[in-house]
Amino acid sequence: MEIDRVKMPAWMRGLSVVFGIIAIGGSLLVLADPALGVSLLIVLLSIGLLFMGVDRLMVGLSGRVTVMKLAEKAQMRSDTA
């Protein structure tokens, strides 16, 4: 199987940098005050569960799931090449 290297769009690279800065800042805060780490963990888990709940609710109500298998994706690439 061949691996293609594709350049990310500028907006995705920017978003990656922003999330990297947030992650480093959060880790420095936790290192400075470990008690803050527990609160931060609770907040982040709550946000993650909220997004997951909304996603599952939307999938359940719509009855549709978007799935693309790797084999289908590879086939699509070979067809366009």
PDB file of N, CA and C in Angstrom:
ATOM      1  N   MET A   1       0.843  -1.178   0.000  1.00  0.00           N
ATOM      2  CA  MET A   1       0.000   0.000   0.000  1.00  0.00           C
ATOM      3  C   MET A   1       0.882   1.233   0.000  1.00  0.00           C
ATOM      4  N   GLU A   2       0.543   2.156  -0.830  1.00  0.00           N
ATOM      5  CA  GLU A   2       1.332   3.359  -0.989  1.00  0.00           C
ATOM      6  C   GLU A   2       0.766   4.494  -0.149  1.00  0.00           C
ATOM      7  N   ILE A   3       1.650   5.267   0.447  1.00  0.00           N
ATOM      8  CA  ILE A   3       1.230   6.406   1.267  1.00  0.00           C
ATOM      9  C   ILE A   3       1.519   7.683   0.505  1.00  0.00           C
ATOM     10  N   ASP A   4       0.496   8.472   0.326  1.00  0.00           N
ATOM     11  CA  ASP A   4       0.636   9.755  -0.357  1.00  0.00           C
ATOM     12  C   ASP A   4       0.810  10.864   0.668  1.00  0.00           C
ATOM     13  N   ARG A   5       1.701  11.782   0.382  1.00  0.00           N
ATOM     14  CA  ARG A   5       1.861  12.950   1.234  1.00  0.00           C
ATOM     15  C   ARG A   5       1.126  14.111   0.577  1.00  0.00           C
ATOM     16  N   VAL A   6       0.169  14.648   1.298  1.00  0.00           N
ATOM     17  CA  VAL A   6      -0.646  15.737   0.782  1.00  0.00           C
ATOM     18  C   VAL A   6      -0.470  16.934   1.698  1.00  0.00           C
ATOM     19  N   LYS A   7      -0.267  18.101   1.118  1.00  0.00           N
ATOM     20  CA  LYS A   7      -0.115  19.312   1.919  1.00  0.00           C
ATOM     21  C   LYS A   7      -1.471  19.725   2.476  1.00  0.00           C
ATOM     22  N   MET A   8      -1.477  20.009   3.770  1.00  0.00           N
ATOM     23  CA  MET A   8      -2.718  20.437   4.427  1.00  0.00           C
ATOM     24  C   MET A   8      -3.084  21.843   3.965  1.00  0.00           C
ATOM     25  N   PRO A   9      -4.380  22.133   3.917  1.00  0.00           N
ATOM     26  CA  PRO A   9      -4.796  23.507   3.606  1.00  0.00           C
ATOM     27  C   PRO A   9      -4.324  24.469   4.696  1.00  0.00           C
ATOM     28  N   ALA A  10      -4.201  25.727   4.339  1.00  0.00           N
ATOM     29  CA  ALA A  10      -3.683  26.737   5.271  1.00  0.00           C
ATOM     30  C   ALA A  10      -4.550  26.845   6.526  1.00  0.00           C
ATOM     31  N   TRP A  11      -5.873  26.769   6.378  1.00  0.00           N
ATOM     32  CA  TRP A  11      -6.745  26.899   7.546  1.00  0.00           C
ATOM     33  C   TRP A  11      -6.554  25.733   8.505  1.00  0.00           C
ATOM     34  N   MET A  12      -6.272  24.540   7.963  1.00  0.00           N
ATOM     35  CA  MET A  12      -6.067  23.381   8.825  1.00  0.00           C
ATOM     36  C   MET A  12      -4.722  23.469   9.550  1.00  0.00           C
ATOM     37  N   ARG A  13      -3.713  23.989   8.856  1.00  0.00           N
ATOM     38  CA  ARG A  13      -2.416  24.179   9.502  1.00  0.00           C
ATOM     39  C   ARG A  13      -2.526  25.203  10.625  1.00  0.00           C
ATOM     40  N   GLY A  14      -3.277  26.289  10.365  1.00  0.00           N
ATOM     41  CA  GLY A  14      -3.478  27.319  11.390  1.00  0.00           C
ATOM     42  C   GLY A  14      -4.208  26.765  12.598  1.00  0.00           C
ATOM     43  N   LEU A  15      -5.229  25.961  12.343  1.00  0.00           N
ATOM     44  CA  LEU A  15      -5.986  25.339  13.429  1.00  0.00           C
ATOM     45  C   LEU A  15      -5.100  24.393  14.235  1.00  0.00           C
ATOM     46  N   SER A  16      -4.230  23.680  13.550  1.00  0.00           N
ATOM     47  CA  SER A  16      -3.303  22.776  14.226  1.00  0.00           C
ATOM     48  C   SER A  16      -2.349  23.547  15.141  1.00  0.00           C
ATOM     49  N   VAL A  17      -1.871  24.681  14.667  1.00  0.00           N
ATOM     50  CA  VAL A  17      -0.984  25.524  15.483  1.00  0.00           C
ATOM     51  C   VAL A  17      -1.728  26.053  16.705  1.00  0.00           C
ATOM     52  N   VAL A  18      -2.959  26.507  16.516  1.00  0.00           N
ATOM     53  CA  VAL A  18      -3.750  27.038  17.631  1.00  0.00           C
ATOM     54  C   VAL A  18      -3.972  25.950  18.690  1.00  0.00           C
ATOM     55  N   PHE A  19      -4.360  24.751  18.249  1.00  0.00           N
ATOM     56  CA  PHE A  19      -4.575  23.665  19.206  1.00  0.00           C
ATOM     57  C   PHE A  19      -3.274  23.254  19.891  1.00  0.00           C
ATOM     58  N   GLY A  20      -2.158  23.341  19.178  1.00  0.00           N
ATOM     59  CA  GLY A  20      -0.862  23.046  19.786  1.00  0.00           C
ATOM     60  C   GLY A  20      -0.515  24.041  20.881  1.00  0.00           C
ATOM     61  N   ILE A  21      -0.774  25.305  20.628  1.00  0.00           N
ATOM     62  CA  ILE A  21      -0.517  26.350  21.628  1.00  0.00           C
ATOM     63  C   ILE A  21      -1.415  26.140  22.848  1.00  0.00           C
ATOM     64  N   ILE A  22      -2.682  25.814  22.609  1.00  0.00           N
ATOM     65  CA  ILE A  22      -3.609  25.557  23.720  1.00  0.00           C
ATOM     66  C   ILE A  22      -3.135  24.359  24.539  1.00  0.00           C
ATOM     67  N   ALA A  23      -2.686  23.303  23.865  1.00  0.00           N
ATOM     68  CA  ALA A  23      -2.217  22.102  24.575  1.00  0.00           C
ATOM     69  C   ALA A  23      -0.986  22.399  25.416  1.00  0.00           C
ATOM     70  N   ILE A  24      -0.043  23.143  24.862  1.00  0.00           N
ATOM     71  CA  ILE A  24       1.173  23.488  25.614  1.00  0.00           C
ATOM     72  C   ILE A  24       0.828  24.392  26.794  1.00  0.00           C
ATOM     73  N   GLY A  25      -0.037  25.373  26.569  1.00  0.00           N
ATOM     74  CA  GLY A  25      -0.449  26.259  27.660  1.00  0.00           C
ATOM     75  C   GLY A  25      -1.153  25.500  28.772  1.00  0.00           C
ATOM     76  N   GLY A  26      -2.048  24.592  28.390  1.00  0.00           N
ATOM     77  CA  GLY A  26      -2.756  23.782  29.387  1.00  0.00           C
ATOM     78  C   GLY A  26      -1.809  22.894  30.178  1.00  0.00           C
ATOM     79  N   SER A  27      -0.845  22.302  29.487  1.00  0.00           N
ATOM     80  CA  SER A  27       0.099  21.442  30.206  1.00  0.00           C
ATOM     81  C   SER A  27       0.977  22.241  31.156  1.00  0.00           C
ATOM     82  N   LEU A  28       1.359  23.459  30.776  1.00  0.00           N
ATOM     83  CA  LEU A  28       2.150  24.297  31.673  1.00  0.00           C
ATOM     84  C   LEU A  28       1.337  24.726  32.894  1.00  0.00           C
ATOM     85  N   LEU A  29       0.052  25.003  32.689  1.00  0.00           N
ATOM     86  CA  LEU A  29      -0.814  25.342  33.819  1.00  0.00           C
ATOM     87  C   LEU A  29      -0.933  24.166  34.795  1.00  0.00           C
ATOM     88  N   VAL A  30      -1.075  22.980  34.250  1.00  0.00           N
ATOM     89  CA  VAL A  30      -1.202  21.794  35.112  1.00  0.00           C
ATOM     90  C   VAL A  30       0.103  21.531  35.856  1.00  0.00           C
ATOM     91  N   LEU A  31       1.227  21.736  35.187  1.00  0.00           N
ATOM     92  CA  LEU A  31       2.510  21.560  35.870  1.00  0.00           C
ATOM     93  C   LEU A  31       2.696  22.591  36.978  1.00  0.00           C
ATOM     94  N   ALA A  32       2.214  23.808  36.753  1.00  0.00           N
ATOM     95  CA  ALA A  32       2.347  24.859  37.754  1.00  0.00           C
ATOM     96  C   ALA A  32       1.420  24.627  38.938  1.00  0.00           C
ATOM     97  N   ASP A  33       0.219  24.112  38.690  1.00  0.00           N
ATOM     98  CA  ASP A  33      -0.756  23.891  39.758  1.00  0.00           C
ATOM     99  C   ASP A  33      -1.503  22.582  39.491  1.00  0.00           C
ATOM    100  N   PRO A  34      -1.021  21.471  40.051  1.00  0.00           N
ATOM    101  CA  PRO A  34      -1.641  20.161  39.783  1.00  0.00           C
ATOM    102  C   PRO A  34      -3.121  20.087  40.169  1.00  0.00           C
ATOM    103  N   ALA A  35      -3.557  20.833  41.148  1.00  0.00           N
ATOM    104  CA  ALA A  35      -4.972  20.824  41.526  1.00  0.00           C
ATOM    105  C   ALA A  35      -5.830  21.370  40.382  1.00  0.00           C
ATOM    106  N   LEU A  36      -5.268  22.308  39.633  1.00  0.00           N
ATOM    107  CA  LEU A  36      -5.959  22.843  38.465  1.00  0.00           C
ATOM    108  C   LEU A  36      -6.139  21.760  37.405  1.00  0.00           C
ATOM    109  N   GLY A  37      -5.219  20.791  37.378  1.00  0.00           N
ATOM    110  CA  GLY A  37      -5.292  19.702  36.414  1.00  0.00           C
ATOM    111  C   GLY A  37      -6.554  18.881  36.560  1.00  0.00           C
ATOM    112  N   VAL A  38      -6.980  18.647  37.787  1.00  0.00           N
ATOM    113  CA  VAL A  38      -8.202  17.876  38.020  1.00  0.00           C
ATOM    114  C   VAL A  38      -9.413  18.634  37.481  1.00  0.00           C
ATOM    115  N   SER A  39      -9.477  19.916  37.769  1.00  0.00           N
ATOM    116  CA  SER A  39     -10.585  20.731  37.260  1.00  0.00           C
ATOM    117  C   SER A  39     -10.563  20.802  35.741  1.00  0.00           C
ATOM    118  N   LEU A  40      -9.378  20.978  35.171  1.00  0.00           N
ATOM    119  CA  LEU A  40      -9.239  21.043  33.729  1.00  0.00           C
ATOM    120  C   LEU A  40      -9.666  19.730  33.079  1.00  0.00           C
ATOM    121  N   LEU A  41      -9.291  18.626  33.693  1.00  0.00           N
ATOM    122  CA  LEU A  41      -9.673  17.312  33.177  1.00  0.00           C
ATOM    123  C   LEU A  41     -11.189  17.133  33.186  1.00  0.00           C
ATOM    124  N   ILE A  42     -11.817  17.545  34.262  1.00  0.00           N
ATOM    125  CA  ILE A  42     -13.280  17.432  34.367  1.00  0.00           C
ATOM    126  C   ILE A  42     -13.964  18.280  33.290  1.00  0.00           C
ATOM    127  N   VAL A  43     -13.478  19.499  33.090  1.00  0.00           N
ATOM    128  CA  VAL A  43     -14.078  20.387  32.088  1.00  0.00           C
ATOM    129  C   VAL A  43     -13.892  19.810  30.679  1.00  0.00           C
ATOM    130  N   LEU A  44     -12.679  19.349  30.367  1.00  0.00           N
ATOM    131  CA  LEU A  44     -12.423  18.817  29.033  1.00  0.00           C
ATOM    132  C   LEU A  44     -13.219  17.544  28.764  1.00  0.00           C
ATOM    133  N   LEU A  45     -13.311  16.674  29.751  1.00  0.00           N
ATOM    134  CA  LEU A  45     -14.124  15.467  29.585  1.00  0.00           C
ATOM    135  C   LEU A  45     -15.596  15.815  29.399  1.00  0.00           C
ATOM    136  N   SER A  46     -16.068  16.799  30.136  1.00  0.00           N
ATOM    137  CA  SER A  46     -17.464  17.227  29.997  1.00  0.00           C
ATOM    138  C   SER A  46     -17.742  17.781  28.610  1.00  0.00           C
ATOM    139  N   ILE A  47     -16.830  18.584  28.097  1.00  0.00           N
ATOM    140  CA  ILE A  47     -16.999  19.133  26.747  1.00  0.00           C
ATOM    141  C   ILE A  47     -16.972  18.011  25.715  1.00  0.00           C
ATOM    142  N   GLY A  48     -16.045  17.074  25.862  1.00  0.00           N
ATOM    143  CA  GLY A  48     -15.969  15.943  24.941  1.00  0.00           C
ATOM    144  C   GLY A  48     -17.228  15.095  24.960  1.00  0.00           C
ATOM    145  N   LEU A  49     -17.750  14.834  26.153  1.00  0.00           N
ATOM    146  CA  LEU A  49     -18.987  14.059  26.269  1.00  0.00           C
ATOM    147  C   LEU A  49     -20.180  14.814  25.682  1.00  0.00           C
ATOM    148  N   LEU A  50     -20.184  16.129  25.830  1.00  0.00           N
ATOM    149  CA  LEU A  50     -21.257  16.938  25.252  1.00  0.00           C
ATOM    150  C   LEU A  50     -21.254  16.824  23.727  1.00  0.00           C
ATOM    151  N   PHE A  51     -20.080  16.983  23.115  1.00  0.00           N
ATOM    152  CA  PHE A  51     -19.979  16.859  21.663  1.00  0.00           C
ATOM    153  C   PHE A  51     -20.345  15.452  21.196  1.00  0.00           C
ATOM    154  N   MET A  52     -19.886  14.441  21.917  1.00  0.00           N
ATOM    155  CA  MET A  52     -20.204  13.069  21.551  1.00  0.00           C
ATOM    156  C   MET A  52     -21.706  12.822  21.668  1.00  0.00           C
ATOM    157  N   GLY A  53     -22.333  13.347  22.695  1.00  0.00           N
ATOM    158  CA  GLY A  53     -23.770  13.180  22.875  1.00  0.00           C
ATOM    159  C   GLY A  53     -24.565  13.842  21.768  1.00  0.00           C
ATOM    160  N   VAL A  54     -24.167  15.055  21.385  1.00  0.00           N
ATOM    161  CA  VAL A  54     -24.844  15.757  20.293  1.00  0.00           C
ATOM    162  C   VAL A  54     -24.674  14.978  18.988  1.00  0.00           C
ATOM    163  N   ASP A  55     -23.467  14.473  18.746  1.00  0.00           N
ATOM    164  CA  ASP A  55     -23.205  13.696  17.535  1.00  0.00           C
ATOM    165  C   ASP A  55     -24.073  12.443  17.490  1.00  0.00           C
ATOM    166  N   ARG A  56     -24.111  11.692  18.577  1.00  0.00           N
ATOM    167  CA  ARG A  56     -24.909  10.463  18.621  1.00  0.00           C
ATOM    168  C   ARG A  56     -26.401  10.766  18.480  1.00  0.00           C
ATOM    169  N   LEU A  57     -26.846  11.870  19.072  1.00  0.00           N
ATOM    170  CA  LEU A  57     -28.243  12.269  18.961  1.00  0.00           C
ATOM    171  C   LEU A  57     -28.595  12.593  17.511  1.00  0.00           C
ATOM    172  N   MET A  58     -27.720  13.328  16.833  1.00  0.00           N
ATOM    173  CA  MET A  58     -27.967  13.674  15.440  1.00  0.00           C
ATOM    174  C   MET A  58     -27.970  12.436  14.548  1.00  0.00           C
ATOM    175  N   VAL A  59     -27.052  11.511  14.794  1.00  0.00           N
ATOM    176  CA  VAL A  59     -27.012  10.273  14.006  1.00  0.00           C
ATOM    177  C   VAL A  59     -28.270   9.456  14.263  1.00  0.00           C
ATOM    178  N   GLY A  60     -28.687   9.377  15.511  1.00  0.00           N
ATOM    179  CA  GLY A  60     -29.883   8.607  15.845  1.00  0.00           C
ATOM    180  C   GLY A  60     -31.146   9.195  15.236  1.00  0.00           C
ATOM    181  N   LEU A  61     -31.255  10.509  15.236  1.00  0.00           N
ATOM    182  CA  LEU A  61     -32.443  11.149  14.684  1.00  0.00           C
ATOM    183  C   LEU A  61     -32.469  11.099  13.158  1.00  0.00           C
ATOM    184  N   SER A  62     -31.305  11.250  12.533  1.00  0.00           N
ATOM    185  CA  SER A  62     -31.274  11.253  11.074  1.00  0.00           C
ATOM    186  C   SER A  62     -31.223   9.843  10.502  1.00  0.00           C
ATOM    187  N   GLY A  63     -30.656   8.905  11.252  1.00  0.00           N
ATOM    188  CA  GLY A  63     -30.519   7.536  10.762  1.00  0.00           C
ATOM    189  C   GLY A  63     -29.439   7.386   9.715  1.00  0.00           C
ATOM    190  N   ARG A  64     -28.565   8.364   9.588  1.00  0.00           N
ATOM    191  CA  ARG A  64     -27.506   8.318   8.579  1.00  0.00           C
ATOM    192  C   ARG A  64     -26.145   8.441   9.236  1.00  0.00           C
ATOM    193  N   VAL A  65     -25.223   7.662   8.730  1.00  0.00           N
ATOM    194  CA  VAL A  65     -23.849   7.717   9.197  1.00  0.00           C
ATOM    195  C   VAL A  65     -22.959   7.829   7.969  1.00  0.00           C
ATOM    196  N   THR A  66     -21.972   8.695   8.020  1.00  0.00           N
ATOM    197  CA  THR A  66     -21.039   8.838   6.909  1.00  0.00           C
ATOM    198  C   THR A  66     -19.819   7.984   7.196  1.00  0.00           C
ATOM    199  N   VAL A  67     -19.616   6.976   6.337  1.00  0.00           N
ATOM    200  CA  VAL A  67     -18.488   6.068   6.507  1.00  0.00           C
ATOM    201  C   VAL A  67     -17.820   5.881   5.157  1.00  0.00           C
ATOM    202  N   MET A  68     -16.520   6.026   5.122  1.00  0.00           N
ATOM    203  CA  MET A  68     -15.784   5.732   3.900  1.00  0.00           C
ATOM    204  C   MET A  68     -14.665   4.762   4.262  1.00  0.00           C
ATOM    205  N   LYS A  69     -14.715   3.584   3.718  1.00  0.00           N
ATOM    206  CA  LYS A  69     -13.714   2.579   4.012  1.00  0.00           C
ATOM    207  C   LYS A  69     -12.424   2.923   3.287  1.00  0.00           C
ATOM    208  N   LEU A  70     -11.300   2.466   3.854  1.00  0.00           N
ATOM    209  CA  LEU A  70     -10.009   2.757   3.248  1.00  0.00           C
ATOM    210  C   LEU A  70      -9.902   2.168   1.850  1.00  0.00           C
ATOM    211  N   ALA A  71     -10.439   0.991   1.634  1.00  0.00           N
ATOM    212  CA  ALA A  71     -10.368   0.369   0.313  1.00  0.00           C
ATOM    213  C   ALA A  71     -11.127   1.205  -0.713  1.00  0.00           C
ATOM    214  N   GLU A  72     -12.300   1.715  -0.335  1.00  0.00           N
ATOM    215  CA  GLU A  72     -13.072   2.552  -1.250  1.00  0.00           C
ATOM    216  C   GLU A  72     -12.325   3.848  -1.546  1.00  0.00           C
ATOM    217  N   LYS A  73     -11.681   4.404  -0.537  1.00  0.00           N
ATOM    218  CA  LYS A  73     -10.933   5.641  -0.703  1.00  0.00           C
ATOM    219  C   LYS A  73      -9.757   5.417  -1.650  1.00  0.00           C
ATOM    220  N   ALA A  74      -9.055   4.288  -1.487  1.00  0.00           N
ATOM    221  CA  ALA A  74      -7.931   3.964  -2.365  1.00  0.00           C
ATOM    222  C   ALA A  74      -8.415   3.748  -3.785  1.00  0.00           C
ATOM    223  N   GLN A  75      -9.565   3.120  -3.936  1.00  0.00           N
ATOM    224  CA  GLN A  75     -10.139   2.891  -5.267  1.00  0.00           C
ATOM    225  C   GLN A  75     -10.471   4.216  -5.941  1.00  0.00           C
ATOM    226  N   MET A  76     -11.031   5.143  -5.174  1.00  0.00           N
ATOM    227  CA  MET A  76     -11.377   6.449  -5.730  1.00  0.00           C
ATOM    228  C   MET A  76     -10.134   7.177  -6.203  1.00  0.00           C
ATOM    229  N   ARG A  77      -9.042   7.061  -5.450  1.00  0.00           N
ATOM    230  CA  ARG A  77      -7.798   7.719  -5.830  1.00  0.00           C
ATOM    231  C   ARG A  77      -7.223   7.107  -7.100  1.00  0.00           C
ATOM    232  N   SER A  78      -7.277   5.788  -7.211  1.00  0.00           N
ATOM    233  CA  SER A  78      -6.713   5.141  -8.394  1.00  0.00           C
ATOM    234  C   SER A  78      -7.550   5.434  -9.630  1.00  0.00           C
ATOM    235  N   ASP A  79      -8.846   5.656  -9.448  1.00  0.00           N
ATOM    236  CA  ASP A  79      -9.715   5.972 -10.583  1.00  0.00           C
ATOM    237  C   ASP A  79      -9.424   7.363 -11.135  1.00  0.00           C
ATOM    238  N   THR A  80      -9.066   8.289 -10.253  1.00  0.00           N
ATOM    239  CA  THR A  80      -8.816   9.654 -10.687  1.00  0.00           C
ATOM    240  C   THR A  80      -7.410   9.842 -11.238  1.00  0.00           C
ATOM    241  N   ALA A  81      -6.509   8.938 -10.918  1.00  0.00           N
ATOM    242  CA  ALA A  81      -5.104   9.055 -11.353  1.00  0.00           C
ATOM    243  C   ALA A  81      -4.901   8.597 -12.771  1.00  0.00           C
TER     244      ALA A  81
END
